[in-house]
Amino acid sequence: MEDISRFEDFVAERADALLRYGYLLSGNPHDAADLTQEALIRLHRAWPRVRQKQAPESYTRMIMARLHISVWRLRRRERLDWALPETAQLDVLPSGIEQDLWQALAGLPRKQRAVLVLRYYEDLADEEIAGVLGISRGTVRSHASLGLAKLRSTVPHPSAIDGSIA
């Protein structure tokens, strides 16, 4: 009974952060919710083992990253649009360079996007990213380099927009 209570406490405390993490990985609120839900289901199954190591959040994030990659493999390049036609859009969208950055990030291949999210949002080292994604450290560096190069070529530098020199 205590295990169930601890699991419920973990979900109550960390579900929102995990949902935001899922959004950063997927770029879509519906996919983020699916990733979070599936990861929490898998965490629940492994809770006694994971809780003993006291690493439930990192375990859940690793599950989410791996699920994100496996979903991509199943769908390949299929992209579902979550906005229904002829409906009002109530979400506040980012503007200016922030919107350009989100669009460019969404346009990256899934592994490049996952590596950049894990590196810059989660602040993980290359070794940790390699462990989460099940790839080599060199592949992590390659994906990061390619992803950053694509972002740099797609999104203008802020100083180029306002005319100042950084």
N, C-alpha and C. Protein backbone atom coordinates (compact mmCIF):
# COMPACT_ATOMS: atom_id res chain seq x y z
N MET A 1 0.82 -1.20 0.00
CA MET A 1 0.00 0.00 0.00
C MET A 1 0.86 1.26 0.00
N GLU A 2 2.00 1.18 0.70
CA GLU A 2 2.90 2.32 0.75
C GLU A 2 3.49 2.61 -0.63
N ASP A 3 3.77 1.53 -1.41
CA ASP A 3 4.29 1.71 -2.77
C ASP A 3 3.32 2.48 -3.64
N ILE A 4 2.04 2.13 -3.54
CA ILE A 4 1.02 2.81 -4.34
C ILE A 4 0.96 4.28 -3.96
N SER A 5 1.02 4.56 -2.68
CA SER A 5 0.98 5.94 -2.21
C SER A 5 2.19 6.74 -2.71
N ARG A 6 3.37 6.13 -2.68
CA ARG A 6 4.57 6.81 -3.17
C ARG A 6 4.50 7.06 -4.68
N PHE A 7 3.96 6.08 -5.41
CA PHE A 7 3.81 6.26 -6.85
C PHE A 7 2.84 7.41 -7.13
N GLU A 8 1.72 7.44 -6.43
CA GLU A 8 0.75 8.52 -6.62
C GLU A 8 1.35 9.88 -6.28
N ASP A 9 2.15 9.92 -5.23
CA ASP A 9 2.82 11.18 -4.86
C ASP A 9 3.77 11.63 -5.97
N PHE A 10 4.53 10.68 -6.51
CA PHE A 10 5.46 11.00 -7.60
C PHE A 10 4.70 11.57 -8.80
N VAL A 11 3.63 10.91 -9.18
CA VAL A 11 2.85 11.36 -10.34
C VAL A 11 2.27 12.75 -10.08
N ALA A 12 1.75 12.97 -8.88
CA ALA A 12 1.17 14.28 -8.55
C ALA A 12 2.23 15.38 -8.61
N GLU A 13 3.45 15.08 -8.17
CA GLU A 13 4.50 16.08 -8.13
C GLU A 13 5.14 16.33 -9.50
N ARG A 14 5.32 15.31 -10.32
CA ARG A 14 6.15 15.42 -11.51
C ARG A 14 5.42 15.30 -12.83
N ALA A 15 4.13 15.06 -12.83
CA ALA A 15 3.40 14.84 -14.08
C ALA A 15 3.47 16.06 -15.01
N ASP A 16 3.33 17.25 -14.48
CA ASP A 16 3.37 18.45 -15.33
C ASP A 16 4.75 18.62 -15.97
N ALA A 17 5.80 18.40 -15.20
CA ALA A 17 7.15 18.53 -15.75
C ALA A 17 7.39 17.47 -16.83
N LEU A 18 6.89 16.26 -16.60
CA LEU A 18 7.04 15.20 -17.60
C LEU A 18 6.25 15.53 -18.86
N LEU A 19 5.09 16.12 -18.70
CA LEU A 19 4.29 16.52 -19.86
C LEU A 19 5.01 17.59 -20.68
N ARG A 20 5.63 18.55 -20.01
CA ARG A 20 6.41 19.58 -20.73
C ARG A 20 7.58 18.94 -21.45
N TYR A 21 8.24 18.00 -20.81
CA TYR A 21 9.35 17.28 -21.43
C TYR A 21 8.86 16.54 -22.68
N GLY A 22 7.69 15.89 -22.57
CA GLY A 22 7.11 15.20 -23.73
C GLY A 22 6.81 16.15 -24.86
N TYR A 23 6.36 17.36 -24.53
CA TYR A 23 6.09 18.35 -25.57
C TYR A 23 7.37 18.77 -26.26
N LEU A 24 8.43 18.95 -25.49
CA LEU A 24 9.71 19.32 -26.10
C LEU A 24 10.22 18.23 -27.03
N LEU A 25 10.01 16.98 -26.65
CA LEU A 25 10.45 15.88 -27.51
C LEU A 25 9.62 15.81 -28.78
N SER A 26 8.31 15.90 -28.63
CA SER A 26 7.43 15.63 -29.76
C SER A 26 7.00 16.88 -30.54
N GLY A 27 6.91 18.01 -29.86
CA GLY A 27 6.44 19.23 -30.52
C GLY A 27 4.95 19.26 -30.73
N ASN A 28 4.23 18.35 -30.08
CA ASN A 28 2.79 18.23 -30.26
C ASN A 28 2.17 17.90 -28.91
N PRO A 29 1.16 18.66 -28.45
CA PRO A 29 0.59 18.41 -27.12
C PRO A 29 -0.08 17.04 -26.99
N HIS A 30 -0.66 16.54 -28.06
CA HIS A 30 -1.32 15.23 -27.99
C HIS A 30 -0.30 14.10 -27.89
N ASP A 31 0.75 14.19 -28.69
CA ASP A 31 1.82 13.20 -28.59
C ASP A 31 2.51 13.27 -27.24
N ALA A 32 2.66 14.49 -26.71
CA ALA A 32 3.28 14.65 -25.39
C ALA A 32 2.44 13.97 -24.31
N ALA A 33 1.12 14.13 -24.39
CA ALA A 33 0.25 13.47 -23.42
C ALA A 33 0.33 11.96 -23.55
N ASP A 34 0.36 11.46 -24.78
CA ASP A 34 0.48 10.02 -24.99
C ASP A 34 1.81 9.48 -24.46
N LEU A 35 2.89 10.20 -24.73
CA LEU A 35 4.21 9.79 -24.24
C LEU A 35 4.22 9.74 -22.71
N THR A 36 3.68 10.78 -22.10
CA THR A 36 3.66 10.84 -20.64
C THR A 36 2.83 9.72 -20.05
N GLN A 37 1.66 9.50 -20.61
CA GLN A 37 0.78 8.46 -20.09
C GLN A 37 1.41 7.08 -20.24
N GLU A 38 1.95 6.78 -21.39
CA GLU A 38 2.57 5.47 -21.60
C GLU A 38 3.78 5.27 -20.70
N ALA A 39 4.57 6.33 -20.53
CA ALA A 39 5.75 6.23 -19.66
C ALA A 39 5.34 5.99 -18.21
N LEU A 40 4.28 6.66 -17.76
CA LEU A 40 3.82 6.45 -16.38
C LEU A 40 3.24 5.05 -16.18
N ILE A 41 2.60 4.52 -17.21
CA ILE A 41 2.10 3.14 -17.12
C ILE A 41 3.27 2.18 -16.96
N ARG A 42 4.31 2.39 -17.76
CA ARG A 42 5.48 1.51 -17.68
C ARG A 42 6.22 1.71 -16.36
N LEU A 43 6.26 2.94 -15.88
CA LEU A 43 6.88 3.19 -14.58
C LEU A 43 6.13 2.47 -13.48
N HIS A 44 4.81 2.48 -13.54
CA HIS A 44 4.00 1.81 -12.51
C HIS A 44 4.33 0.32 -12.45
N ARG A 45 4.50 -0.29 -13.62
CA ARG A 45 4.85 -1.71 -13.65
C ARG A 45 6.20 -1.99 -13.01
N ALA A 46 7.13 -1.05 -13.16
CA ALA A 46 8.49 -1.25 -12.65
C ALA A 46 8.73 -0.50 -11.34
N TRP A 47 7.69 0.05 -10.74
CA TRP A 47 7.84 0.94 -9.60
C TRP A 47 8.67 0.34 -8.45
N PRO A 48 8.41 -0.88 -7.99
CA PRO A 48 9.20 -1.40 -6.85
C PRO A 48 10.71 -1.42 -7.15
N ARG A 49 11.07 -1.79 -8.34
CA ARG A 49 12.49 -1.86 -8.72
C ARG A 49 13.07 -0.45 -8.89
N VAL A 50 12.35 0.44 -9.55
CA VAL A 50 12.85 1.78 -9.83
C VAL A 50 12.92 2.60 -8.54
N ARG A 51 11.92 2.45 -7.68
CA ARG A 51 11.88 3.22 -6.43
C ARG A 51 13.06 2.86 -5.53
N GLN A 52 13.47 1.61 -5.54
CA GLN A 52 14.60 1.19 -4.71
C GLN A 52 15.89 1.90 -5.16
N LYS A 53 16.02 2.15 -6.44
CA LYS A 53 17.20 2.85 -6.95
C LYS A 53 17.05 4.37 -6.78
N GLN A 54 15.87 4.81 -6.39
CA GLN A 54 15.55 6.22 -6.19
C GLN A 54 15.83 7.06 -7.44
N ALA A 55 15.40 6.54 -8.59
CA ALA A 55 15.59 7.27 -9.84
C ALA A 55 14.35 7.23 -10.70
N PRO A 56 13.16 7.45 -10.14
CA PRO A 56 11.96 7.31 -10.97
C PRO A 56 11.84 8.35 -12.08
N GLU A 57 12.29 9.57 -11.84
CA GLU A 57 12.13 10.58 -12.88
C GLU A 57 13.07 10.33 -14.05
N SER A 58 14.32 10.01 -13.78
CA SER A 58 15.24 9.75 -14.89
C SER A 58 14.82 8.50 -15.67
N TYR A 59 14.29 7.51 -14.96
CA TYR A 59 13.78 6.30 -15.62
C TYR A 59 12.61 6.67 -16.53
N THR A 60 11.72 7.51 -16.05
CA THR A 60 10.55 7.90 -16.84
C THR A 60 10.96 8.72 -18.06
N ARG A 61 11.91 9.62 -17.90
CA ARG A 61 12.38 10.41 -19.03
C ARG A 61 13.07 9.54 -20.07
N MET A 62 13.80 8.53 -19.60
CA MET A 62 14.45 7.61 -20.53
C MET A 62 13.38 6.84 -21.32
N ILE A 63 12.32 6.39 -20.64
CA ILE A 63 11.23 5.70 -21.31
C ILE A 63 10.61 6.62 -22.36
N MET A 64 10.37 7.88 -22.00
CA MET A 64 9.75 8.82 -22.92
C MET A 64 10.60 9.04 -24.16
N ALA A 65 11.89 9.21 -23.96
CA ALA A 65 12.79 9.42 -25.11
C ALA A 65 12.79 8.21 -26.02
N ARG A 66 12.84 7.02 -25.44
CA ARG A 66 12.86 5.81 -26.26
C ARG A 66 11.52 5.59 -26.96
N LEU A 67 10.42 5.87 -26.27
CA LEU A 67 9.11 5.76 -26.91
C LEU A 67 9.00 6.74 -28.07
N HIS A 68 9.50 7.94 -27.86
CA HIS A 68 9.45 8.96 -28.91
C HIS A 68 10.19 8.48 -30.16
N ILE A 69 11.35 7.90 -29.98
CA ILE A 69 12.12 7.38 -31.11
C ILE A 69 11.39 6.21 -31.76
N SER A 70 10.83 5.30 -30.96
CA SER A 70 10.16 4.13 -31.54
C SER A 70 8.88 4.52 -32.28
N VAL A 71 8.17 5.52 -31.79
CA VAL A 71 6.97 5.99 -32.49
C VAL A 71 7.36 6.55 -33.84
N TRP A 72 8.47 7.28 -33.87
CA TRP A 72 8.93 7.82 -35.14
C TRP A 72 9.23 6.71 -36.12
N ARG A 73 9.85 5.66 -35.64
CA ARG A 73 10.16 4.55 -36.53
C ARG A 73 8.90 3.92 -37.11
N LEU A 74 7.84 3.88 -36.30
CA LEU A 74 6.59 3.30 -36.79
C LEU A 74 5.90 4.21 -37.80
N ARG A 75 5.87 5.49 -37.51
CA ARG A 75 5.17 6.44 -38.37
C ARG A 75 6.00 6.92 -39.54
N ARG A 76 7.29 6.86 -39.38
CA ARG A 76 8.26 7.44 -40.31
C ARG A 76 7.97 8.93 -40.44
N ARG A 77 7.56 9.39 -41.56
CA ARG A 77 7.40 10.84 -41.75
C ARG A 77 5.94 11.30 -41.68
N GLU A 78 5.05 10.45 -41.25
CA GLU A 78 3.65 10.86 -41.14
C GLU A 78 3.52 11.91 -40.05
N ARG A 79 2.80 12.98 -40.34
CA ARG A 79 2.61 14.05 -39.36
C ARG A 79 1.11 14.33 -39.25
N LEU A 80 0.59 14.13 -38.06
CA LEU A 80 -0.82 14.37 -37.83
C LEU A 80 -1.02 15.82 -37.38
N ASP A 81 -2.08 16.43 -37.87
CA ASP A 81 -2.39 17.80 -37.48
C ASP A 81 -3.47 17.74 -36.41
N TRP A 82 -3.18 18.30 -35.27
CA TRP A 82 -4.13 18.20 -34.16
C TRP A 82 -5.19 19.28 -34.17
N ALA A 83 -5.04 20.34 -34.96
CA ALA A 83 -6.04 21.39 -35.04
C ALA A 83 -7.10 21.00 -36.06
N LEU A 84 -8.35 20.98 -35.64
CA LEU A 84 -9.44 20.66 -36.54
C LEU A 84 -9.74 21.85 -37.44
N PRO A 85 -10.15 21.61 -38.67
CA PRO A 85 -10.47 22.73 -39.55
C PRO A 85 -11.68 23.51 -39.03
N GLU A 86 -11.69 24.79 -39.37
CA GLU A 86 -12.80 25.68 -39.03
C GLU A 86 -13.04 25.79 -37.54
N THR A 87 -12.00 25.71 -36.75
CA THR A 87 -12.14 25.94 -35.31
C THR A 87 -11.24 27.10 -34.93
N ALA A 88 -11.65 27.81 -33.89
CA ALA A 88 -10.85 28.94 -33.42
C ALA A 88 -9.60 28.41 -32.73
N GLN A 89 -8.51 29.06 -32.97
CA GLN A 89 -7.24 28.68 -32.34
C GLN A 89 -7.07 29.56 -31.10
N LEU A 90 -7.15 28.97 -29.91
CA LEU A 90 -7.11 29.73 -28.69
C LEU A 90 -5.72 29.76 -28.05
N ASP A 91 -4.84 28.89 -28.47
CA ASP A 91 -3.51 28.85 -27.88
C ASP A 91 -2.73 30.10 -28.26
N VAL A 92 -1.97 30.59 -27.31
CA VAL A 92 -1.10 31.72 -27.59
C VAL A 92 0.19 31.16 -28.18
N LEU A 93 0.43 31.51 -29.41
CA LEU A 93 1.60 30.99 -30.11
C LEU A 93 2.79 31.91 -29.87
N PRO A 94 3.97 31.36 -29.85
CA PRO A 94 5.15 32.22 -29.72
C PRO A 94 5.27 33.13 -30.93
N SER A 95 5.94 34.23 -30.75
CA SER A 95 6.04 35.17 -31.86
C SER A 95 7.51 35.41 -32.21
N GLY A 96 7.71 35.93 -33.39
CA GLY A 96 9.04 36.33 -33.83
C GLY A 96 10.02 35.18 -33.90
N ILE A 97 11.22 35.44 -33.39
CA ILE A 97 12.31 34.48 -33.50
C ILE A 97 12.01 33.21 -32.71
N GLU A 98 11.25 33.34 -31.62
CA GLU A 98 10.91 32.15 -30.83
C GLU A 98 10.05 31.19 -31.66
N GLN A 99 9.12 31.72 -32.41
CA GLN A 99 8.29 30.89 -33.27
C GLN A 99 9.14 30.25 -34.37
N ASP A 100 10.05 31.01 -34.92
CA ASP A 100 10.95 30.47 -35.94
C ASP A 100 11.77 29.31 -35.38
N LEU A 101 12.25 29.48 -34.15
CA LEU A 101 13.05 28.43 -33.52
C LEU A 101 12.22 27.17 -33.29
N TRP A 102 10.99 27.32 -32.80
CA TRP A 102 10.12 26.15 -32.57
C TRP A 102 9.81 25.45 -33.88
N GLN A 103 9.55 26.21 -34.93
CA GLN A 103 9.26 25.59 -36.22
C GLN A 103 10.48 24.87 -36.77
N ALA A 104 11.65 25.48 -36.60
CA ALA A 104 12.87 24.84 -37.08
C ALA A 104 13.16 23.58 -36.27
N LEU A 105 12.94 23.63 -34.96
CA LEU A 105 13.15 22.46 -34.11
C LEU A 105 12.19 21.35 -34.49
N ALA A 106 10.94 21.70 -34.79
CA ALA A 106 9.95 20.70 -35.20
C ALA A 106 10.32 20.07 -36.55
N GLY A 107 11.06 20.80 -37.37
CA GLY A 107 11.44 20.30 -38.68
C GLY A 107 12.66 19.39 -38.67
N LEU A 108 13.32 19.30 -37.53
CA LEU A 108 14.50 18.43 -37.45
C LEU A 108 14.08 16.96 -37.39
N PRO A 109 14.94 16.07 -37.84
CA PRO A 109 14.66 14.64 -37.65
C PRO A 109 14.54 14.34 -36.15
N ARG A 110 13.76 13.32 -35.81
CA ARG A 110 13.44 13.02 -34.41
C ARG A 110 14.68 12.81 -33.54
N LYS A 111 15.66 12.09 -34.02
CA LYS A 111 16.84 11.84 -33.18
C LYS A 111 17.62 13.13 -32.94
N GLN A 112 17.74 13.98 -33.95
CA GLN A 112 18.43 15.24 -33.75
C GLN A 112 17.68 16.10 -32.73
N ARG A 113 16.36 16.15 -32.87
CA ARG A 113 15.55 16.93 -31.93
C ARG A 113 15.68 16.36 -30.52
N ALA A 114 15.63 15.03 -30.39
CA ALA A 114 15.76 14.40 -29.07
C ALA A 114 17.11 14.72 -28.45
N VAL A 115 18.17 14.65 -29.23
CA VAL A 115 19.51 14.95 -28.71
C VAL A 115 19.58 16.41 -28.24
N LEU A 116 19.05 17.33 -29.03
CA LEU A 116 19.11 18.74 -28.64
C LEU A 116 18.26 19.03 -27.41
N VAL A 117 17.10 18.41 -27.30
CA VAL A 117 16.26 18.59 -26.11
C VAL A 117 16.96 18.03 -24.88
N LEU A 118 17.53 16.83 -25.01
CA LEU A 118 18.21 16.23 -23.86
C LEU A 118 19.45 17.05 -23.47
N ARG A 119 20.14 17.60 -24.45
CA ARG A 119 21.36 18.36 -24.15
C ARG A 119 21.04 19.73 -23.56
N TYR A 120 20.13 20.48 -24.19
CA TYR A 120 19.93 21.86 -23.79
C TYR A 120 18.76 22.07 -22.84
N TYR A 121 17.76 21.23 -22.85
CA TYR A 121 16.64 21.36 -21.92
C TYR A 121 16.91 20.56 -20.66
N GLU A 122 17.36 19.33 -20.83
CA GLU A 122 17.64 18.46 -19.69
C GLU A 122 19.06 18.62 -19.15
N ASP A 123 19.92 19.30 -19.91
CA ASP A 123 21.30 19.54 -19.51
C ASP A 123 22.06 18.23 -19.23
N LEU A 124 21.86 17.25 -20.10
CA LEU A 124 22.54 15.97 -19.95
C LEU A 124 23.86 15.99 -20.73
N ALA A 125 24.81 15.23 -20.23
CA ALA A 125 26.09 15.07 -20.91
C ALA A 125 25.92 14.08 -22.06
N ASP A 126 26.88 14.07 -22.98
CA ASP A 126 26.80 13.18 -24.14
C ASP A 126 26.66 11.72 -23.72
N GLU A 127 27.38 11.31 -22.69
CA GLU A 127 27.31 9.92 -22.22
C GLU A 127 25.90 9.57 -21.74
N GLU A 128 25.27 10.51 -21.02
CA GLU A 128 23.92 10.28 -20.51
C GLU A 128 22.91 10.22 -21.66
N ILE A 129 23.07 11.10 -22.63
CA ILE A 129 22.17 11.11 -23.79
C ILE A 129 22.31 9.79 -24.55
N ALA A 130 23.55 9.34 -24.73
CA ALA A 130 23.78 8.08 -25.42
C ALA A 130 23.08 6.93 -24.69
N GLY A 131 23.13 6.94 -23.36
CA GLY A 131 22.46 5.91 -22.58
C GLY A 131 20.95 5.96 -22.71
N VAL A 132 20.40 7.16 -22.69
CA VAL A 132 18.95 7.33 -22.80
C VAL A 132 18.45 6.86 -24.16
N LEU A 133 19.14 7.25 -25.21
CA LEU A 133 18.68 6.95 -26.57
C LEU A 133 19.19 5.61 -27.10
N GLY A 134 20.13 4.99 -26.39
CA GLY A 134 20.67 3.72 -26.84
C GLY A 134 21.53 3.84 -28.09
N ILE A 135 22.30 4.94 -28.17
CA ILE A 135 23.19 5.16 -29.30
C ILE A 135 24.59 5.47 -28.76
N SER A 136 25.58 5.53 -29.64
CA SER A 136 26.95 5.81 -29.19
C SER A 136 27.14 7.30 -28.92
N ARG A 137 28.19 7.61 -28.16
CA ARG A 137 28.51 9.00 -27.85
C ARG A 137 28.84 9.78 -29.13
N GLY A 138 29.51 9.14 -30.05
CA GLY A 138 29.82 9.80 -31.32
C GLY A 138 28.58 10.14 -32.12
N THR A 139 27.59 9.24 -32.06
CA THR A 139 26.32 9.50 -32.76
C THR A 139 25.60 10.66 -32.11
N VAL A 140 25.67 10.76 -30.78
CA VAL A 140 25.07 11.90 -30.08
C VAL A 140 25.70 13.19 -30.58
N ARG A 141 27.01 13.23 -30.64
CA ARG A 141 27.71 14.44 -31.09
C ARG A 141 27.37 14.77 -32.54
N SER A 142 27.27 13.75 -33.36
CA SER A 142 26.93 13.95 -34.77
C SER A 142 25.53 14.54 -34.91
N HIS A 143 24.56 13.95 -34.19
CA HIS A 143 23.18 14.46 -34.25
C HIS A 143 23.11 15.89 -33.72
N ALA A 144 23.84 16.18 -32.65
CA ALA A 144 23.84 17.54 -32.09
C ALA A 144 24.43 18.52 -33.09
N SER A 145 25.53 18.17 -33.69
CA SER A 145 26.18 19.05 -34.66
C SER A 145 25.28 19.31 -35.86
N LEU A 146 24.70 18.25 -36.41
CA LEU A 146 23.83 18.40 -37.58
C LEU A 146 22.58 19.21 -37.22
N GLY A 147 22.00 18.94 -36.06
CA GLY A 147 20.80 19.67 -35.64
C GLY A 147 21.08 21.14 -35.43
N LEU A 148 22.18 21.46 -34.75
CA LEU A 148 22.53 22.86 -34.53
C LEU A 148 22.84 23.58 -35.84
N ALA A 149 23.52 22.90 -36.73
CA ALA A 149 23.82 23.52 -38.03
C ALA A 149 22.53 23.84 -38.78
N LYS A 150 21.58 22.92 -38.73
CA LYS A 150 20.29 23.15 -39.41
C LYS A 150 19.56 24.32 -38.75
N LEU A 151 19.55 24.37 -37.41
CA LEU A 151 18.89 25.48 -36.72
C LEU A 151 19.56 26.81 -37.05
N ARG A 152 20.88 26.82 -37.07
CA ARG A 152 21.61 28.06 -37.38
C ARG A 152 21.33 28.54 -38.80
N SER A 153 21.17 27.60 -39.72
CA SER A 153 20.92 28.01 -41.10
C SER A 153 19.46 28.41 -41.32
N THR A 154 18.58 27.94 -40.46
CA THR A 154 17.16 28.20 -40.63
C THR A 154 16.69 29.44 -39.87
N VAL A 155 17.18 29.60 -38.63
CA VAL A 155 16.72 30.69 -37.78
C VAL A 155 17.77 31.80 -37.80
N PRO A 156 17.36 33.02 -38.13
CA PRO A 156 18.33 34.12 -38.16
C PRO A 156 18.83 34.45 -36.75
N HIS A 157 20.06 34.90 -36.67
CA HIS A 157 20.64 35.30 -35.38
C HIS A 157 19.91 36.57 -34.91
N PRO A 158 19.62 36.69 -33.60
CA PRO A 158 18.89 37.88 -33.12
C PRO A 158 19.55 39.20 -33.49
N SER A 159 20.87 39.25 -33.53
CA SER A 159 21.55 40.50 -33.86
C SER A 159 21.32 40.91 -35.33
N ALA A 160 21.07 39.92 -36.17
CA ALA A 160 20.80 40.22 -37.58
C ALA A 160 19.43 40.85 -37.75
N ILE A 161 18.54 40.57 -36.81
CA ILE A 161 17.18 41.09 -36.90
C ILE A 161 17.11 42.54 -36.44
N ASP A 162 17.73 42.82 -35.27
CA ASP A 162 17.63 44.19 -34.73
C ASP A 162 18.75 45.11 -35.22
N GLY A 163 19.65 44.58 -36.03
CA GLY A 163 20.69 45.41 -36.64
C GLY A 163 21.92 45.61 -35.78
N SER A 164 21.91 45.09 -34.57
CA SER A 164 23.09 45.23 -33.71
C SER A 164 24.07 44.11 -33.97
N ILE A 165 25.26 44.29 -33.50
CA ILE A 165 26.30 43.27 -33.65
C ILE A 165 26.60 42.72 -32.27
N ALA A 166 26.53 41.40 -32.15
CA ALA A 166 26.76 40.77 -30.84
C ALA A 166 28.24 40.57 -30.60
